[in-house]
Every structure is written in C-alpha cells, then in structure tokens.
Amino acid sequence: MTLWIFLVLTTFLNLELHQVDVVGAYLQGDLDEEIYMKVPDGLTEKYGSGRKFWRLRKTLYGLKQAGRQWKKCLHQVMTKLGFTHAMANDCLYVLWEHGKIVLMVLIYVNNMAVARKKIPGIVLFKQNLSKDFEIMDLGEMKFILGI
C-alpha cells in the first residue's frame, strides 16, 4: 500500500523518481550480541589458527539478525541526514523543509526509490548516502518490484 501511495504522490507532485541499490546492505550492521560460527572446512589452518569457532562482529547474509541490524544502521544514517520516517510505515523516510516535503525515500530491502522535485537534490542525497554506504546509482526509475 505504501508503494502505491508513494507512486501516486510522486506523480501528483510531479517529482523526479530515481533508484539506488545499497551494495552488501545486510553486511553493514554491527552485532549487538555475541554470535559464534563454526570455522568453514578448509579454512581452519589458514584463518582459524586451530580455532573451531569465530566470533562474528558484523552481520552475514542468512543471519537472523542481519535484516534488523541493516534497518538499524540505515535508520541512523537517514536520521543523521535529517530524515524522519513516516508514522504509518517506517520504510518511508521524508525530508521536510519549512513544513513541506523536500525529498522522499522508500526503502525496500536494499533498494531505495528516491523522489524529489529537481534532480540536483537527488544527486546530493546520493552523494551524502555514499559517504556511509557503497551504493549503485540505478538512475531514473523504470521498474520497481515487478511494476
């Protein structure tokens, strides 16, 4: 539902719509708890120094905590950039200026739909985001979640 409202708003307000992919998003989060993994076969001698387990400091794909930690890390960056998340859906971030929406960002897994009136503002957002994450600029949005 949020996606549809987002798309309707971008059309109604005549906003530019771009797409960004965060590379390795689920590898971004620091772990809050102690998690150990068995050293993979064949790596025990080279990297394990005879150890049987490694303590993880960052999340890995497939780890139950990965999604939560990615969301937490992303939220910290977005609030640092001045965004607030929508009350109804915390996957939608909005940047306000003088009571008006300046920029909207819809998050879906590791991708972002970015909407703003003028392209230079979108470019600035991408530059600021790239200071914290490795991103792939997918340019103008043509396709989103099968639509």
C-alpha atoms as a PDB file:
ATOM      1  CA  MET A   1       0.000   0.000   0.000  1.00  0.00           C
ATOM      2  CA  THR A   2       2.824   2.414   0.859  1.00  0.00           C
ATOM      3  CA  LEU A   3       4.389   1.797  -2.537  1.00  0.00           C
ATOM      4  CA  TRP A   4       1.167   2.727  -4.327  1.00  0.00           C
ATOM      5  CA  ILE A   5       0.729   5.903  -2.266  1.00  0.00           C
ATOM      6  CA  PHE A   6       4.384   6.790  -2.858  1.00  0.00           C
ATOM      7  CA  LEU A   7       3.980   6.380  -6.624  1.00  0.00           C
ATOM      8  CA  VAL A   8       0.733   8.359  -6.660  1.00  0.00           C
ATOM      9  CA  LEU A   9       2.365  11.194  -4.674  1.00  0.00           C
ATOM     10  CA  THR A  10       5.378  11.335  -6.986  1.00  0.00           C
ATOM     11  CA  THR A  11       3.063  11.528  -9.982  1.00  0.00           C
ATOM     12  CA  PHE A  12       0.681  14.059  -8.412  1.00  0.00           C
ATOM     13  CA  LEU A  13       3.529  16.316  -7.201  1.00  0.00           C
ATOM     14  CA  ASN A  14       5.420  15.853 -10.494  1.00  0.00           C
ATOM     15  CA  LEU A  15       8.566  14.606  -8.742  1.00  0.00           C
ATOM     16  CA  GLU A  16      11.648  13.068 -10.321  1.00  0.00           C
ATOM     17  CA  LEU A  17      11.989   9.399  -9.351  1.00  0.00           C
ATOM     18  CA  HIS A  18      15.333   7.640  -9.093  1.00  0.00           C
ATOM     19  CA  GLN A  19      16.528   4.311  -7.759  1.00  0.00           C
ATOM     20  CA  VAL A  20      19.541   3.404  -5.594  1.00  0.00           C
ATOM     21  CA  ASP A  21      20.891  -0.016  -4.638  1.00  0.00           C
ATOM     22  CA  VAL A  22      22.948  -0.381  -1.449  1.00  0.00           C
ATOM     23  CA  VAL A  23      25.709  -2.908  -2.116  1.00  0.00           C
ATOM     24  CA  GLY A  24      26.079  -5.504   0.634  1.00  0.00           C
ATOM     25  CA  ALA A  25      23.326  -3.955   2.737  1.00  0.00           C
ATOM     26  CA  TYR A  26      22.945  -6.948   5.020  1.00  0.00           C
ATOM     27  CA  LEU A  27      26.672  -6.867   5.748  1.00  0.00           C
ATOM     28  CA  GLN A  28      26.531  -3.303   7.133  1.00  0.00           C
ATOM     29  CA  GLY A  29      25.240  -3.865  10.646  1.00  0.00           C
ATOM     30  CA  ASP A  30      27.341  -4.348  13.745  1.00  0.00           C
ATOM     31  CA  LEU A  31      26.117  -7.118  16.025  1.00  0.00           C
ATOM     32  CA  ASP A  32      24.755  -6.223  19.450  1.00  0.00           C
ATOM     33  CA  GLU A  33      25.134  -9.718  20.872  1.00  0.00           C
ATOM     34  CA  GLU A  34      27.839 -12.374  20.807  1.00  0.00           C
ATOM     35  CA  ILE A  35      27.394 -14.804  17.927  1.00  0.00           C
ATOM     36  CA  TYR A  36      29.853 -17.534  17.010  1.00  0.00           C
ATOM     37  CA  MET A  37      30.120 -19.541  13.828  1.00  0.00           C
ATOM     38  CA  LYS A  38      31.970 -22.722  13.073  1.00  0.00           C
ATOM     39  CA  VAL A  39      35.121 -22.143  11.010  1.00  0.00           C
ATOM     40  CA  PRO A  40      34.355 -23.436   7.493  1.00  0.00           C
ATOM     41  CA  ASP A  41      36.118 -26.622   6.436  1.00  0.00           C
ATOM     42  CA  GLY A  42      39.413 -25.922   4.702  1.00  0.00           C
ATOM     43  CA  LEU A  43      39.910 -22.577   6.441  1.00  0.00           C
ATOM     44  CA  THR A  44      40.754 -23.889   9.888  1.00  0.00           C
ATOM     45  CA  GLU A  45      44.517 -23.928   9.314  1.00  0.00           C
ATOM     46  CA  LYS A  46      44.780 -20.776   7.195  1.00  0.00           C
ATOM     47  CA  TYR A  47      42.454 -18.407   9.085  1.00  0.00           C
ATOM     48  CA  GLY A  48      41.326 -20.273  12.173  1.00  0.00           C
ATOM     49  CA  SER A  49      44.714 -20.733  13.841  1.00  0.00           C
ATOM     50  CA  GLY A  50      43.473 -24.057  15.145  1.00  0.00           C
ATOM     51  CA  ARG A  51      40.242 -22.499  16.454  1.00  0.00           C
ATOM     52  CA  LYS A  52      36.943 -24.232  15.905  1.00  0.00           C
ATOM     53  CA  PHE A  53      34.735 -21.106  16.089  1.00  0.00           C
ATOM     54  CA  TRP A  54      34.889 -17.459  15.073  1.00  0.00           C
ATOM     55  CA  ARG A  55      33.150 -14.644  16.909  1.00  0.00           C
ATOM     56  CA  LEU A  56      31.189 -12.502  14.454  1.00  0.00           C
ATOM     57  CA  ARG A  57      31.410  -8.734  14.789  1.00  0.00           C
ATOM     58  CA  LYS A  58      29.338  -7.865  11.693  1.00  0.00           C
ATOM     59  CA  THR A  59      26.257  -9.441  10.194  1.00  0.00           C
ATOM     60  CA  LEU A  60      26.325 -12.031   7.428  1.00  0.00           C
ATOM     61  CA  TYR A  61      23.730 -12.952   4.818  1.00  0.00           C
ATOM     62  CA  GLY A  62      21.445 -15.616   6.223  1.00  0.00           C
ATOM     63  CA  LEU A  63      21.959 -14.499   9.815  1.00  0.00           C
ATOM     64  CA  LYS A  64      18.619 -13.900  11.545  1.00  0.00           C
ATOM     65  CA  GLN A  65      19.854 -10.580  12.935  1.00  0.00           C
ATOM     66  CA  ALA A  66      21.067  -9.251   9.554  1.00  0.00           C
ATOM     67  CA  GLY A  67      17.819  -7.575   8.477  1.00  0.00           C
ATOM     68  CA  ARG A  68      17.253  -5.934  11.853  1.00  0.00           C
ATOM     69  CA  GLN A  69      20.837  -4.668  12.055  1.00  0.00           C
ATOM     70  CA  TRP A  70      20.704  -3.316   8.480  1.00  0.00           C
ATOM     71  CA  LYS A  71      17.492  -1.463   9.274  1.00  0.00           C
ATOM     72  CA  LYS A  72      19.017  -0.049  12.459  1.00  0.00           C
ATOM     73  CA  CYS A  73      22.180   1.071  10.644  1.00  0.00           C
ATOM     74  CA  LEU A  74      20.167   2.645   7.819  1.00  0.00           C
ATOM     75  CA  HIS A  75      17.907   4.461  10.292  1.00  0.00           C
ATOM     76  CA  GLN A  76      20.947   6.009  11.991  1.00  0.00           C
ATOM     77  CA  VAL A  77      22.285   7.285   8.660  1.00  0.00           C
ATOM     78  CA  MET A  78      18.912   8.605   7.481  1.00  0.00           C
ATOM     79  CA  THR A  79      18.278  10.500  10.728  1.00  0.00           C
ATOM     80  CA  LYS A  80      21.807  11.906  10.542  1.00  0.00           C
ATOM     81  CA  LEU A  81      20.870  13.237   7.087  1.00  0.00           C
ATOM     82  CA  GLY A  82      17.795  14.930   8.584  1.00  0.00           C
ATOM     83  CA  PHE A  83      15.091  12.442   7.578  1.00  0.00           C
ATOM     84  CA  THR A  84      12.180  11.230   9.677  1.00  0.00           C
ATOM     85  CA  HIS A  85      10.323   8.018   8.972  1.00  0.00           C
ATOM     86  CA  ALA A  86       6.614   8.033   8.307  1.00  0.00           C
ATOM     87  CA  MET A  87       4.407   7.108  11.246  1.00  0.00           C
ATOM     88  CA  ALA A  88       2.392   4.577   9.246  1.00  0.00           C
ATOM     89  CA  ASN A  89       5.389   2.809   7.686  1.00  0.00           C
ATOM     90  CA  ASP A  90       8.976   3.067   8.855  1.00  0.00           C
ATOM     91  CA  CYS A  91      10.238   2.109   5.376  1.00  0.00           C
ATOM     92  CA  LEU A  92       9.306   5.557   4.112  1.00  0.00           C
ATOM     93  CA  TYR A  93      11.653   8.406   5.031  1.00  0.00           C
ATOM     94  CA  VAL A  94      10.738  12.032   4.460  1.00  0.00           C
ATOM     95  CA  LEU A  95      12.902  15.151   4.488  1.00  0.00           C
ATOM     96  CA  TRP A  96      10.928  18.243   5.485  1.00  0.00           C
ATOM     97  CA  GLU A  97      11.857  21.873   4.946  1.00  0.00           C
ATOM     98  CA  HIS A  98       9.617  24.703   6.184  1.00  0.00           C
ATOM     99  CA  GLY A  99       6.679  22.317   6.581  1.00  0.00           C
ATOM    100  CA  LYS A 100       6.921  20.950   3.035  1.00  0.00           C
ATOM    101  CA  ILE A 101       8.155  17.620   1.742  1.00  0.00           C
ATOM    102  CA  VAL A 102      11.501  18.157   0.044  1.00  0.00           C
ATOM    103  CA  LEU A 103      12.577  14.562  -0.583  1.00  0.00           C
ATOM    104  CA  MET A 104      11.027  11.121  -0.051  1.00  0.00           C
ATOM    105  CA  VAL A 105      12.874   7.815   0.133  1.00  0.00           C
ATOM    106  CA  LEU A 106      11.084   4.470   0.082  1.00  0.00           C
ATOM    107  CA  ILE A 107      13.207   1.550   1.277  1.00  0.00           C
ATOM    108  CA  TYR A 108      12.621  -1.998   0.062  1.00  0.00           C
ATOM    109  CA  VAL A 109      15.226  -4.485   1.293  1.00  0.00           C
ATOM    110  CA  ASN A 110      18.481  -2.989  -0.053  1.00  0.00           C
ATOM    111  CA  ASN A 111      16.972  -0.711  -2.701  1.00  0.00           C
ATOM    112  CA  MET A 112      15.641   2.813  -2.441  1.00  0.00           C
ATOM    113  CA  ALA A 113      13.195   4.804  -4.503  1.00  0.00           C
ATOM    114  CA  VAL A 114      14.161   8.490  -4.228  1.00  0.00           C
ATOM    115  CA  ALA A 115      11.715  11.245  -5.160  1.00  0.00           C
ATOM    116  CA  ARG A 116      12.340  14.987  -5.341  1.00  0.00           C
ATOM    117  CA  LYS A 117      11.247  17.928  -7.462  1.00  0.00           C
ATOM    118  CA  LYS A 118      14.668  18.551  -9.025  1.00  0.00           C
ATOM    119  CA  ILE A 119      17.463  16.157  -9.943  1.00  0.00           C
ATOM    120  CA  PRO A 120      20.335  18.105  -8.251  1.00  0.00           C
ATOM    121  CA  GLY A 121      18.698  17.384  -4.863  1.00  0.00           C
ATOM    122  CA  ILE A 122      18.567  13.686  -5.677  1.00  0.00           C
ATOM    123  CA  VAL A 123      22.229  13.736  -6.734  1.00  0.00           C
ATOM    124  CA  LEU A 124      23.171  15.448  -3.445  1.00  0.00           C
ATOM    125  CA  PHE A 125      21.262  12.802  -1.471  1.00  0.00           C
ATOM    126  CA  LYS A 126      23.102  10.030  -3.329  1.00  0.00           C
ATOM    127  CA  GLN A 127      26.460  11.709  -2.622  1.00  0.00           C
ATOM    128  CA  ASN A 128      25.639  12.009   1.077  1.00  0.00           C
ATOM    129  CA  LEU A 129      24.435   8.410   1.236  1.00  0.00           C
ATOM    130  CA  SER A 130      27.600   7.170  -0.482  1.00  0.00           C
ATOM    131  CA  LYS A 131      29.662   8.568   2.409  1.00  0.00           C
ATOM    132  CA  ASP A 132      28.225   5.831   4.640  1.00  0.00           C
ATOM    133  CA  PHE A 133      27.383   3.037   2.196  1.00  0.00           C
ATOM    134  CA  GLU A 134      28.666   1.696  -1.080  1.00  0.00           C
ATOM    135  CA  ILE A 135      25.809   2.417  -3.464  1.00  0.00           C
ATOM    136  CA  MET A 136      24.980   1.681  -7.049  1.00  0.00           C
ATOM    137  CA  ASP A 137      23.146   4.542  -8.755  1.00  0.00           C
ATOM    138  CA  LEU A 138      20.464   2.940 -10.911  1.00  0.00           C
ATOM    139  CA  GLY A 139      19.358   6.297 -12.310  1.00  0.00           C
ATOM    140  CA  GLU A 140      15.808   7.113 -13.268  1.00  0.00           C
ATOM    141  CA  MET A 141      13.338   4.521 -12.053  1.00  0.00           C
ATOM    142  CA  LYS A 142      11.771   2.415 -14.754  1.00  0.00           C
ATOM    143  CA  PHE A 143      10.871  -0.744 -12.853  1.00  0.00           C
ATOM    144  CA  ILE A 144      10.072  -1.424  -9.171  1.00  0.00           C
ATOM    145  CA  LEU A 145       9.032  -4.701  -7.542  1.00  0.00           C
ATOM    146  CA  GLY A 146       7.562  -6.082 -10.745  1.00  0.00           C
ATOM    147  CA  ILE A 147       5.697  -2.889 -11.661  1.00  0.00           C
END
